[in-house]
């Protein structure tokens, strides 16, 4: 029985993943049943993918299967997938669950993948998608922007009330205002000369 980190289990022959696997950056070393393998995948840098990949690799070894194909496992569209255009690294974090936490994780990942700090952030919530999960409030969006400190900012969807304190903190920082994710992505590619782009728009996909 293979179990995840910090999972208590009273069964016999239990293998805890923390006892057989360790990660360092984009590398993961698995040592189990006399077998050692080192997997390399950028997704090991991302907590939402790290543990599932570790478990999959350990399970493969337990079943006498080759875990190496996991080196080529790619993120799902909208779930930290990586693409490239015009020598730019694009991290797609635009989905129904996008929030400030995933935005910060995407920004860190983008800078690691691109190898530089220059980053264009496409952020917001598409109008009409207000019922998507828990919503992406203006305060959360502003907080993410202030933490990420993007080189360029593309705002998607409704902006705060012009008379609000929230709005007064952003108008001079917005490079382009768009209504849809596709418009935001296109604008980001046009405006960005180097580095990375993070798509962090809350929307149905």
C-alpha atoms as a PDB file:
ATOM      1  CA  UNK A   1       0.000   0.000   0.000  1.00  0.00           C
ATOM      2  CA  UNK A   2       1.455   3.349  -1.092  1.00  0.00           C
ATOM      3  CA  UNK A   3       0.284   6.431   0.797  1.00  0.00           C
ATOM      4  CA  UNK A   4       0.898  10.154   0.524  1.00  0.00           C
ATOM      5  CA  UNK A   5       2.915  12.275   2.918  1.00  0.00           C
ATOM      6  CA  UNK A   6       1.552  12.559   6.483  1.00  0.00           C
ATOM      7  CA  UNK A   7      -1.175   9.963   5.924  1.00  0.00           C
ATOM      8  CA  UNK A   8      -1.569   7.644   8.911  1.00  0.00           C
ATOM      9  CA  UNK A   9      -2.246   4.011   8.111  1.00  0.00           C
ATOM     10  CA  UNK A  10      -2.429   0.883  10.298  1.00  0.00           C
ATOM     11  CA  UNK A  11      -2.115  -1.664   7.482  1.00  0.00           C
ATOM     12  CA  UNK A  12       0.912  -3.893   7.007  1.00  0.00           C
ATOM     13  CA  UNK A  13       3.376  -3.328   4.164  1.00  0.00           C
ATOM     14  CA  UNK A  14       2.652   0.384   3.952  1.00  0.00           C
ATOM     15  CA  UNK A  15       5.037   2.551   1.940  1.00  0.00           C
ATOM     16  CA  UNK A  16       5.038   6.242   2.815  1.00  0.00           C
ATOM     17  CA  UNK A  17       6.050   8.403  -0.114  1.00  0.00           C
ATOM     18  CA  UNK A  18       8.259  10.646   2.062  1.00  0.00           C
ATOM     19  CA  UNK A  19      10.373   7.588   2.905  1.00  0.00           C
ATOM     20  CA  UNK A  20      11.138   6.676  -0.704  1.00  0.00           C
ATOM     21  CA  UNK A  21      11.060   9.934  -2.670  1.00  0.00           C
ATOM     22  CA  UNK A  22      12.656  13.356  -2.389  1.00  0.00           C
ATOM     23  CA  UNK A  23      12.532  16.372  -4.671  1.00  0.00           C
ATOM     24  CA  UNK A  24      15.068  19.078  -5.369  1.00  0.00           C
ATOM     25  CA  UNK A  25      13.892  21.668  -7.846  1.00  0.00           C
ATOM     26  CA  UNK A  26      12.806  19.914 -11.008  1.00  0.00           C
ATOM     27  CA  UNK A  27      14.477  16.618 -10.028  1.00  0.00           C
ATOM     28  CA  UNK A  28      12.878  13.808  -8.035  1.00  0.00           C
ATOM     29  CA  UNK A  29      14.808  10.802  -6.734  1.00  0.00           C
ATOM     30  CA  UNK A  30      12.914   7.586  -5.986  1.00  0.00           C
ATOM     31  CA  UNK A  31      14.591   4.756  -4.046  1.00  0.00           C
ATOM     32  CA  UNK A  32      12.404   1.696  -3.593  1.00  0.00           C
ATOM     33  CA  UNK A  33      12.857  -2.079  -3.619  1.00  0.00           C
ATOM     34  CA  UNK A  34      16.534  -1.749  -4.518  1.00  0.00           C
ATOM     35  CA  UNK A  35      15.754   0.483  -7.475  1.00  0.00           C
ATOM     36  CA  UNK A  36      16.843   4.097  -7.743  1.00  0.00           C
ATOM     37  CA  UNK A  37      15.712   6.475 -10.448  1.00  0.00           C
ATOM     38  CA  UNK A  38      15.922  10.214 -10.950  1.00  0.00           C
ATOM     39  CA  UNK A  39      13.086  11.933 -12.779  1.00  0.00           C
ATOM     40  CA  UNK A  40      13.372  15.416 -14.253  1.00  0.00           C
ATOM     41  CA  UNK A  41      10.269  17.488 -14.905  1.00  0.00           C
ATOM     42  CA  UNK A  42       9.632  21.220 -14.284  1.00  0.00           C
ATOM     43  CA  UNK A  43       6.310  20.242 -12.711  1.00  0.00           C
ATOM     44  CA  UNK A  44       8.143  18.971  -9.632  1.00  0.00           C
ATOM     45  CA  UNK A  45       8.531  22.651  -8.759  1.00  0.00           C
ATOM     46  CA  UNK A  46       4.756  23.001  -8.419  1.00  0.00           C
ATOM     47  CA  UNK A  47       3.088  21.629  -5.249  1.00  0.00           C
ATOM     48  CA  UNK A  48      -0.179  20.650  -7.017  1.00  0.00           C
ATOM     49  CA  UNK A  49       1.761  18.380  -9.384  1.00  0.00           C
ATOM     50  CA  UNK A  50       4.714  17.348  -7.222  1.00  0.00           C
ATOM     51  CA  UNK A  51       3.013  14.820  -4.924  1.00  0.00           C
ATOM     52  CA  UNK A  52       0.895  13.125  -7.622  1.00  0.00           C
ATOM     53  CA  UNK A  53       3.992  12.686  -9.801  1.00  0.00           C
ATOM     54  CA  UNK A  54       5.987  11.302  -6.866  1.00  0.00           C
ATOM     55  CA  UNK A  55       3.217   8.808  -6.102  1.00  0.00           C
ATOM     56  CA  UNK A  56       2.915   7.809  -9.755  1.00  0.00           C
ATOM     57  CA  UNK A  57       6.665   7.202 -10.015  1.00  0.00           C
ATOM     58  CA  UNK A  58       6.779   5.127  -6.831  1.00  0.00           C
ATOM     59  CA  UNK A  59       3.724   3.129  -7.909  1.00  0.00           C
ATOM     60  CA  UNK A  60       5.359   2.388 -11.258  1.00  0.00           C
ATOM     61  CA  UNK A  61       8.442   0.959  -9.535  1.00  0.00           C
ATOM     62  CA  UNK A  62       6.279  -1.131  -7.189  1.00  0.00           C
ATOM     63  CA  UNK A  63       4.527  -2.566 -10.256  1.00  0.00           C
ATOM     64  CA  UNK A  64       7.806  -3.181 -12.119  1.00  0.00           C
ATOM     65  CA  UNK A  65       6.877  -0.543 -14.667  1.00  0.00           C
ATOM     66  CA  UNK A  66       9.125   2.147 -16.120  1.00  0.00           C
ATOM     67  CA  UNK A  67       8.533   5.531 -14.411  1.00  0.00           C
ATOM     68  CA  UNK A  68      10.671   7.472 -16.916  1.00  0.00           C
ATOM     69  CA  UNK A  69       7.753   8.501 -19.193  1.00  0.00           C
ATOM     70  CA  UNK A  70       6.751  10.823 -16.330  1.00  0.00           C
ATOM     71  CA  UNK A  71       9.667  13.003 -17.443  1.00  0.00           C
ATOM     72  CA  UNK A  72       7.440  14.006 -20.341  1.00  0.00           C
ATOM     73  CA  UNK A  73       4.195  14.460 -18.418  1.00  0.00           C
ATOM     74  CA  UNK A  74       2.778  17.894 -19.274  1.00  0.00           C
ATOM     75  CA  UNK A  75       0.411  20.122 -17.337  1.00  0.00           C
ATOM     76  CA  UNK A  76      -3.183  20.447 -18.466  1.00  0.00           C
ATOM     77  CA  UNK A  77      -4.266  23.608 -20.345  1.00  0.00           C
ATOM     78  CA  UNK A  78      -5.165  26.277 -17.799  1.00  0.00           C
ATOM     79  CA  UNK A  79      -3.420  24.325 -15.040  1.00  0.00           C
ATOM     80  CA  UNK A  80       0.141  25.686 -15.279  1.00  0.00           C
ATOM     81  CA  UNK A  81       0.763  24.437 -18.810  1.00  0.00           C
ATOM     82  CA  UNK A  82       3.829  25.870 -20.534  1.00  0.00           C
ATOM     83  CA  UNK A  83       3.986  27.101 -24.124  1.00  0.00           C
ATOM     84  CA  UNK A  84       6.363  29.316 -26.076  1.00  0.00           C
ATOM     85  CA  UNK A  85       5.812  32.086 -28.604  1.00  0.00           C
ATOM     86  CA  UNK A  86       8.264  34.683 -29.902  1.00  0.00           C
ATOM     87  CA  UNK A  87      10.881  33.243 -27.516  1.00  0.00           C
ATOM     88  CA  UNK A  88       8.511  34.029 -24.628  1.00  0.00           C
ATOM     89  CA  UNK A  89       7.551  31.519 -21.937  1.00  0.00           C
ATOM     90  CA  UNK A  90       3.779  31.471 -21.377  1.00  0.00           C
ATOM     91  CA  UNK A  91       2.301  29.906 -18.242  1.00  0.00           C
ATOM     92  CA  UNK A  92      -1.429  29.238 -18.543  1.00  0.00           C
ATOM     93  CA  UNK A  93      -3.092  29.539 -15.136  1.00  0.00           C
ATOM     94  CA  UNK A  94      -6.453  30.727 -16.479  1.00  0.00           C
ATOM     95  CA  UNK A  95      -9.270  28.511 -15.223  1.00  0.00           C
ATOM     96  CA  UNK A  96     -12.348  28.483 -13.015  1.00  0.00           C
ATOM     97  CA  UNK A  97     -10.248  28.113  -9.870  1.00  0.00           C
ATOM     98  CA  UNK A  98      -7.724  30.889 -10.496  1.00  0.00           C
ATOM     99  CA  UNK A  99      -6.965  32.918  -7.359  1.00  0.00           C
ATOM    100  CA  UNK A 100      -4.161  34.935  -5.798  1.00  0.00           C
ATOM    101  CA  UNK A 101      -2.359  31.827  -4.518  1.00  0.00           C
ATOM    102  CA  UNK A 102      -2.244  30.118  -7.915  1.00  0.00           C
ATOM    103  CA  UNK A 103      -1.221  33.428  -9.497  1.00  0.00           C
ATOM    104  CA  UNK A 104       1.806  33.737  -7.211  1.00  0.00           C
ATOM    105  CA  UNK A 105       2.751  30.110  -7.875  1.00  0.00           C
ATOM    106  CA  UNK A 106       2.430  30.662 -11.635  1.00  0.00           C
ATOM    107  CA  UNK A 107       4.612  33.781 -11.483  1.00  0.00           C
ATOM    108  CA  UNK A 108       7.363  31.965  -9.585  1.00  0.00           C
ATOM    109  CA  UNK A 109       7.192  29.085 -12.052  1.00  0.00           C
ATOM    110  CA  UNK A 110       7.281  31.445 -15.045  1.00  0.00           C
ATOM    111  CA  UNK A 111      10.396  33.215 -13.811  1.00  0.00           C
ATOM    112  CA  UNK A 112      12.105  29.901 -13.099  1.00  0.00           C
ATOM    113  CA  UNK A 113      11.272  28.573 -16.565  1.00  0.00           C
ATOM    114  CA  UNK A 114      12.276  31.791 -18.357  1.00  0.00           C
ATOM    115  CA  UNK A 115      15.377  32.377 -16.274  1.00  0.00           C
ATOM    116  CA  UNK A 116      14.645  36.083 -15.867  1.00  0.00           C
ATOM    117  CA  UNK A 117      12.408  38.409 -13.839  1.00  0.00           C
ATOM    118  CA  UNK A 118      10.734  40.195 -16.771  1.00  0.00           C
ATOM    119  CA  UNK A 119       7.092  39.127 -16.593  1.00  0.00           C
ATOM    120  CA  UNK A 120       3.815  40.282 -18.089  1.00  0.00           C
ATOM    121  CA  UNK A 121       0.797  39.457 -15.939  1.00  0.00           C
ATOM    122  CA  UNK A 122      -2.609  38.956 -17.549  1.00  0.00           C
ATOM    123  CA  UNK A 123      -5.061  38.989 -14.672  1.00  0.00           C
ATOM    124  CA  UNK A 124      -8.719  39.551 -13.846  1.00  0.00           C
ATOM    125  CA  UNK A 125     -12.086  37.876 -14.161  1.00  0.00           C
ATOM    126  CA  UNK A 126     -14.042  37.693 -17.383  1.00  0.00           C
ATOM    127  CA  UNK A 127     -17.330  39.553 -17.001  1.00  0.00           C
ATOM    128  CA  UNK A 128     -20.277  37.194 -16.797  1.00  0.00           C
ATOM    129  CA  UNK A 129     -18.156  34.571 -15.053  1.00  0.00           C
ATOM    130  CA  UNK A 130     -18.816  35.986 -11.585  1.00  0.00           C
ATOM    131  CA  UNK A 131     -20.255  32.705 -10.366  1.00  0.00           C
ATOM    132  CA  UNK A 132     -17.079  30.798 -11.178  1.00  0.00           C
ATOM    133  CA  UNK A 133     -16.128  28.985  -7.967  1.00  0.00           C
ATOM    134  CA  UNK A 134     -15.525  31.539  -5.199  1.00  0.00           C
ATOM    135  CA  UNK A 135     -14.798  34.523  -7.456  1.00  0.00           C
ATOM    136  CA  UNK A 136     -11.624  36.576  -7.815  1.00  0.00           C
ATOM    137  CA  UNK A 137     -12.172  39.779  -5.838  1.00  0.00           C
ATOM    138  CA  UNK A 138     -10.535  43.087  -6.706  1.00  0.00           C
ATOM    139  CA  UNK A 139      -8.663  43.022  -3.395  1.00  0.00           C
ATOM    140  CA  UNK A 140      -7.219  39.595  -4.226  1.00  0.00           C
ATOM    141  CA  UNK A 141      -6.253  40.710  -7.716  1.00  0.00           C
ATOM    142  CA  UNK A 142      -4.544  43.863  -6.432  1.00  0.00           C
ATOM    143  CA  UNK A 143      -2.731  41.857  -3.756  1.00  0.00           C
ATOM    144  CA  UNK A 144      -1.432  39.436  -6.391  1.00  0.00           C
ATOM    145  CA  UNK A 145      -0.276  42.307  -8.601  1.00  0.00           C
ATOM    146  CA  UNK A 146       1.559  43.983  -5.727  1.00  0.00           C
ATOM    147  CA  UNK A 147       3.302  40.733  -4.813  1.00  0.00           C
ATOM    148  CA  UNK A 148       4.220  39.658  -8.348  1.00  0.00           C
ATOM    149  CA  UNK A 149       5.376  43.153  -9.410  1.00  0.00           C
ATOM    150  CA  UNK A 150       5.000  42.479 -13.147  1.00  0.00           C
ATOM    151  CA  UNK A 151       6.905  44.440 -15.768  1.00  0.00           C
ATOM    152  CA  UNK A 152       3.666  44.884 -17.689  1.00  0.00           C
ATOM    153  CA  UNK A 153       0.058  44.455 -16.599  1.00  0.00           C
ATOM    154  CA  UNK A 154      -2.869  43.378 -18.768  1.00  0.00           C
ATOM    155  CA  UNK A 155      -6.217  43.650 -16.951  1.00  0.00           C
ATOM    156  CA  UNK A 156      -9.065  41.446 -18.160  1.00  0.00           C
ATOM    157  CA  UNK A 157     -12.698  42.095 -17.288  1.00  0.00           C
ATOM    158  CA  UNK A 158     -14.316  44.668 -15.066  1.00  0.00           C
ATOM    159  CA  UNK A 159     -12.119  47.138 -13.203  1.00  0.00           C
ATOM    160  CA  UNK A 160     -12.948  48.555  -9.750  1.00  0.00           C
ATOM    161  CA  UNK A 161     -15.207  51.602  -9.382  1.00  0.00           C
ATOM    162  CA  UNK A 162     -13.193  54.691 -10.450  1.00  0.00           C
ATOM    163  CA  UNK A 163     -14.072  56.409  -7.163  1.00  0.00           C
ATOM    164  CA  UNK A 164     -12.879  53.520  -5.005  1.00  0.00           C
ATOM    165  CA  UNK A 165      -9.622  53.332  -3.080  1.00  0.00           C
ATOM    166  CA  UNK A 166      -8.885  50.061  -4.855  1.00  0.00           C
ATOM    167  CA  UNK A 167      -9.057  51.700  -8.284  1.00  0.00           C
ATOM    168  CA  UNK A 168      -6.800  54.577  -7.292  1.00  0.00           C
ATOM    169  CA  UNK A 169      -3.985  52.110  -6.655  1.00  0.00           C
ATOM    170  CA  UNK A 170      -3.911  50.663 -10.184  1.00  0.00           C
ATOM    171  CA  UNK A 171      -4.842  52.980 -13.111  1.00  0.00           C
ATOM    172  CA  UNK A 172      -1.271  54.036 -13.868  1.00  0.00           C
ATOM    173  CA  UNK A 173      -0.087  50.427 -13.729  1.00  0.00           C
ATOM    174  CA  UNK A 174      -2.472  48.952 -16.311  1.00  0.00           C
ATOM    175  CA  UNK A 175      -0.844  48.781 -19.750  1.00  0.00           C
ATOM    176  CA  UNK A 176      -3.852  47.286 -21.548  1.00  0.00           C
ATOM    177  CA  UNK A 177      -7.476  46.646 -20.539  1.00  0.00           C
ATOM    178  CA  UNK A 178      -9.179  43.714 -22.319  1.00  0.00           C
ATOM    179  CA  UNK A 179     -12.525  41.973 -22.056  1.00  0.00           C
ATOM    180  CA  UNK A 180     -11.565  38.356 -22.775  1.00  0.00           C
ATOM    181  CA  UNK A 181      -8.722  35.954 -22.052  1.00  0.00           C
ATOM    182  CA  UNK A 182      -7.893  35.632 -25.755  1.00  0.00           C
ATOM    183  CA  UNK A 183      -7.632  39.422 -26.098  1.00  0.00           C
ATOM    184  CA  UNK A 184      -5.411  39.549 -23.018  1.00  0.00           C
ATOM    185  CA  UNK A 185      -3.113  36.834 -24.327  1.00  0.00           C
ATOM    186  CA  UNK A 186      -2.763  38.549 -27.693  1.00  0.00           C
ATOM    187  CA  UNK A 187      -2.038  41.919 -26.071  1.00  0.00           C
ATOM    188  CA  UNK A 188       0.544  40.360 -23.763  1.00  0.00           C
ATOM    189  CA  UNK A 189       2.429  38.775 -26.659  1.00  0.00           C
ATOM    190  CA  UNK A 190       2.426  42.095 -28.523  1.00  0.00           C
ATOM    191  CA  UNK A 191       3.637  44.079 -25.495  1.00  0.00           C
ATOM    192  CA  UNK A 192       6.221  41.642 -24.132  1.00  0.00           C
ATOM    193  CA  UNK A 193       9.736  41.767 -25.561  1.00  0.00           C
ATOM    194  CA  UNK A 194      11.415  39.183 -23.320  1.00  0.00           C
ATOM    195  CA  UNK A 195      10.850  36.934 -20.330  1.00  0.00           C
ATOM    196  CA  UNK A 196       7.517  35.353 -19.542  1.00  0.00           C
ATOM    197  CA  UNK A 197       3.760  35.828 -19.604  1.00  0.00           C
ATOM    198  CA  UNK A 198       1.395  34.552 -16.928  1.00  0.00           C
ATOM    199  CA  UNK A 199      -2.267  34.081 -17.835  1.00  0.00           C
ATOM    200  CA  UNK A 200      -4.141  34.313 -14.543  1.00  0.00           C
ATOM    201  CA  UNK A 201      -7.691  35.094 -15.591  1.00  0.00           C
ATOM    202  CA  UNK A 202     -10.605  33.509 -13.768  1.00  0.00           C
ATOM    203  CA  UNK A 203     -12.914  32.137 -16.439  1.00  0.00           C
ATOM    204  CA  UNK A 204     -14.679  29.048 -17.696  1.00  0.00           C
ATOM    205  CA  UNK A 205     -12.547  27.099 -20.185  1.00  0.00           C
END
